[in-house]
N, C-alpha and C. Protein backbone atom coordinates (compact mmCIF):
# COMPACT_ATOMS: atom_id res chain seq x y z
N MET A 1 0.82 -1.20 0.00
CA MET A 1 0.00 0.00 0.00
C MET A 1 0.87 1.27 0.00
N LEU A 2 1.97 1.22 0.76
CA LEU A 2 2.86 2.38 0.85
C LEU A 2 3.45 2.73 -0.51
N ILE A 3 3.79 1.72 -1.30
CA ILE A 3 4.42 1.98 -2.59
C ILE A 3 3.45 2.69 -3.55
N TYR A 4 2.17 2.36 -3.49
CA TYR A 4 1.20 3.00 -4.38
C TYR A 4 1.04 4.47 -4.03
N ILE A 5 1.01 4.76 -2.77
CA ILE A 5 0.89 6.15 -2.32
C ILE A 5 2.15 6.92 -2.72
N PHE A 6 3.30 6.28 -2.53
CA PHE A 6 4.55 6.96 -2.86
C PHE A 6 4.69 7.18 -4.36
N ILE A 7 4.27 6.23 -5.18
CA ILE A 7 4.33 6.40 -6.64
C ILE A 7 3.44 7.56 -7.07
N LEU A 8 2.26 7.66 -6.49
CA LEU A 8 1.36 8.78 -6.80
C LEU A 8 2.01 10.10 -6.39
N PHE A 9 2.58 10.12 -5.21
CA PHE A 9 3.29 11.30 -4.71
C PHE A 9 4.45 11.66 -5.64
N ALA A 10 5.22 10.67 -6.06
CA ALA A 10 6.38 10.90 -6.93
C ALA A 10 5.96 11.47 -8.29
N CYS A 11 4.88 10.96 -8.84
CA CYS A 11 4.38 11.49 -10.12
C CYS A 11 3.95 12.94 -9.98
N PHE A 12 3.29 13.25 -8.89
CA PHE A 12 2.86 14.63 -8.61
C PHE A 12 4.08 15.54 -8.49
N ILE A 13 5.10 15.10 -7.76
CA ILE A 13 6.32 15.89 -7.59
C ILE A 13 7.03 16.10 -8.93
N LEU A 14 7.22 15.03 -9.69
CA LEU A 14 7.90 15.15 -10.99
C LEU A 14 7.14 16.07 -11.95
N PHE A 15 5.81 15.98 -11.95
CA PHE A 15 5.01 16.86 -12.81
C PHE A 15 5.22 18.32 -12.43
N ASN A 16 5.16 18.61 -11.14
CA ASN A 16 5.33 19.99 -10.70
C ASN A 16 6.76 20.50 -10.93
N ILE A 17 7.75 19.66 -10.72
CA ILE A 17 9.13 20.06 -10.98
C ILE A 17 9.32 20.36 -12.47
N ASN A 18 8.72 19.55 -13.34
CA ASN A 18 8.83 19.80 -14.78
C ASN A 18 8.13 21.09 -15.18
N LYS A 19 7.00 21.40 -14.56
CA LYS A 19 6.33 22.67 -14.83
C LYS A 19 7.22 23.84 -14.41
N MET A 20 7.84 23.72 -13.24
CA MET A 20 8.71 24.80 -12.77
C MET A 20 9.96 24.92 -13.63
N THR A 21 10.49 23.79 -14.10
CA THR A 21 11.66 23.81 -14.99
C THR A 21 11.31 24.49 -16.31
N ASN A 22 10.13 24.20 -16.82
CA ASN A 22 9.69 24.85 -18.06
C ASN A 22 9.57 26.36 -17.86
N SER A 23 9.02 26.78 -16.73
CA SER A 23 8.93 28.21 -16.44
C SER A 23 10.32 28.84 -16.34
N LEU A 24 11.25 28.13 -15.72
CA LEU A 24 12.62 28.62 -15.62
C LEU A 24 13.24 28.80 -16.99
N CYS A 25 13.06 27.80 -17.85
CA CYS A 25 13.63 27.87 -19.21
C CYS A 25 13.04 29.04 -19.99
N LEU A 26 11.76 29.28 -19.82
CA LEU A 26 11.13 30.39 -20.53
C LEU A 26 11.60 31.73 -19.97
N GLN A 27 11.67 31.82 -18.65
CA GLN A 27 12.06 33.08 -18.01
C GLN A 27 13.50 33.45 -18.31
N LYS A 28 14.39 32.46 -18.25
CA LYS A 28 15.81 32.72 -18.49
C LYS A 28 16.19 32.63 -19.96
N GLU A 29 15.20 32.34 -20.81
CA GLU A 29 15.39 32.26 -22.26
C GLU A 29 16.53 31.30 -22.63
N ILE A 30 16.47 30.12 -22.07
CA ILE A 30 17.45 29.08 -22.36
C ILE A 30 17.17 28.54 -23.76
N PRO A 31 18.20 28.41 -24.59
CA PRO A 31 17.99 27.92 -25.96
C PRO A 31 17.39 26.51 -25.99
N GLU A 32 16.67 26.22 -27.06
CA GLU A 32 16.00 24.92 -27.22
C GLU A 32 16.98 23.75 -27.11
N GLU A 33 18.20 23.94 -27.62
CA GLU A 33 19.17 22.86 -27.62
C GLU A 33 19.58 22.47 -26.20
N LYS A 34 19.62 23.44 -25.30
CA LYS A 34 20.07 23.18 -23.93
C LYS A 34 18.92 22.78 -23.01
N GLN A 35 17.69 23.04 -23.42
CA GLN A 35 16.54 22.72 -22.57
C GLN A 35 16.43 21.23 -22.29
N ALA A 36 16.72 20.41 -23.26
CA ALA A 36 16.64 18.96 -23.06
C ALA A 36 17.63 18.52 -22.00
N THR A 37 18.82 19.09 -22.02
CA THR A 37 19.84 18.75 -21.02
C THR A 37 19.40 19.20 -19.64
N VAL A 38 18.81 20.38 -19.55
CA VAL A 38 18.33 20.89 -18.26
C VAL A 38 17.25 19.98 -17.71
N PHE A 39 16.26 19.63 -18.52
CA PHE A 39 15.18 18.74 -18.08
C PHE A 39 15.73 17.38 -17.67
N HIS A 40 16.64 16.84 -18.47
CA HIS A 40 17.20 15.52 -18.21
C HIS A 40 17.93 15.50 -16.86
N THR A 41 18.78 16.50 -16.65
CA THR A 41 19.54 16.59 -15.40
C THR A 41 18.64 16.74 -14.19
N ILE A 42 17.69 17.64 -14.26
CA ILE A 42 16.78 17.87 -13.13
C ILE A 42 15.94 16.64 -12.85
N ASN A 43 15.44 15.98 -13.89
CA ASN A 43 14.62 14.79 -13.68
C ASN A 43 15.43 13.66 -13.04
N ILE A 44 16.67 13.48 -13.45
CA ILE A 44 17.50 12.44 -12.85
C ILE A 44 17.76 12.74 -11.38
N LEU A 45 18.09 13.98 -11.07
CA LEU A 45 18.38 14.35 -9.68
C LEU A 45 17.15 14.22 -8.79
N VAL A 46 16.00 14.63 -9.28
CA VAL A 46 14.76 14.50 -8.50
C VAL A 46 14.40 13.03 -8.32
N THR A 47 14.61 12.22 -9.34
CA THR A 47 14.32 10.79 -9.22
C THR A 47 15.23 10.14 -8.18
N ILE A 48 16.49 10.53 -8.15
CA ILE A 48 17.41 10.01 -7.13
C ILE A 48 16.92 10.41 -5.74
N LEU A 49 16.50 11.65 -5.58
CA LEU A 49 15.97 12.09 -4.29
C LEU A 49 14.72 11.33 -3.89
N LEU A 50 13.83 11.08 -4.83
CA LEU A 50 12.60 10.35 -4.53
C LEU A 50 12.90 8.90 -4.15
N ILE A 51 13.82 8.27 -4.86
CA ILE A 51 14.18 6.88 -4.54
C ILE A 51 14.81 6.80 -3.15
N SER A 52 15.71 7.73 -2.85
CA SER A 52 16.34 7.71 -1.53
C SER A 52 15.32 8.00 -0.43
N SER A 53 14.34 8.84 -0.71
CA SER A 53 13.27 9.09 0.26
C SER A 53 12.44 7.84 0.49
N TYR A 54 12.16 7.11 -0.59
CA TYR A 54 11.38 5.88 -0.45
C TYR A 54 12.14 4.84 0.36
N VAL A 55 13.43 4.70 0.10
CA VAL A 55 14.24 3.73 0.84
C VAL A 55 14.28 4.11 2.32
N GLU A 56 14.41 5.40 2.60
CA GLU A 56 14.41 5.84 4.00
C GLU A 56 13.08 5.52 4.67
N LEU A 57 11.98 5.79 3.97
CA LEU A 57 10.66 5.46 4.51
C LEU A 57 10.50 3.96 4.72
N LEU A 58 11.01 3.19 3.80
CA LEU A 58 10.89 1.75 3.86
C LEU A 58 11.56 1.17 5.11
N PHE A 59 12.71 1.75 5.48
CA PHE A 59 13.46 1.23 6.62
C PHE A 59 13.06 1.87 7.95
N THR A 60 12.29 2.95 7.94
CA THR A 60 11.87 3.57 9.19
C THR A 60 10.46 3.21 9.59
N VAL A 61 9.65 2.81 8.64
CA VAL A 61 8.25 2.48 8.96
C VAL A 61 8.11 0.99 9.26
């Protein structure tokens, strides 16, 4: 049950982070060629944070 809640939470977080990243790219006028790299890097880092949060929850609950 915990994993389903966490997956829903993770999808919500990733969606909002991508919206904020898109706003950042538009505001700072980052070229199209570099936007993919920015999104890729941010998504990988957020995914690592979410996985580590899940592992921490798994071992504390």
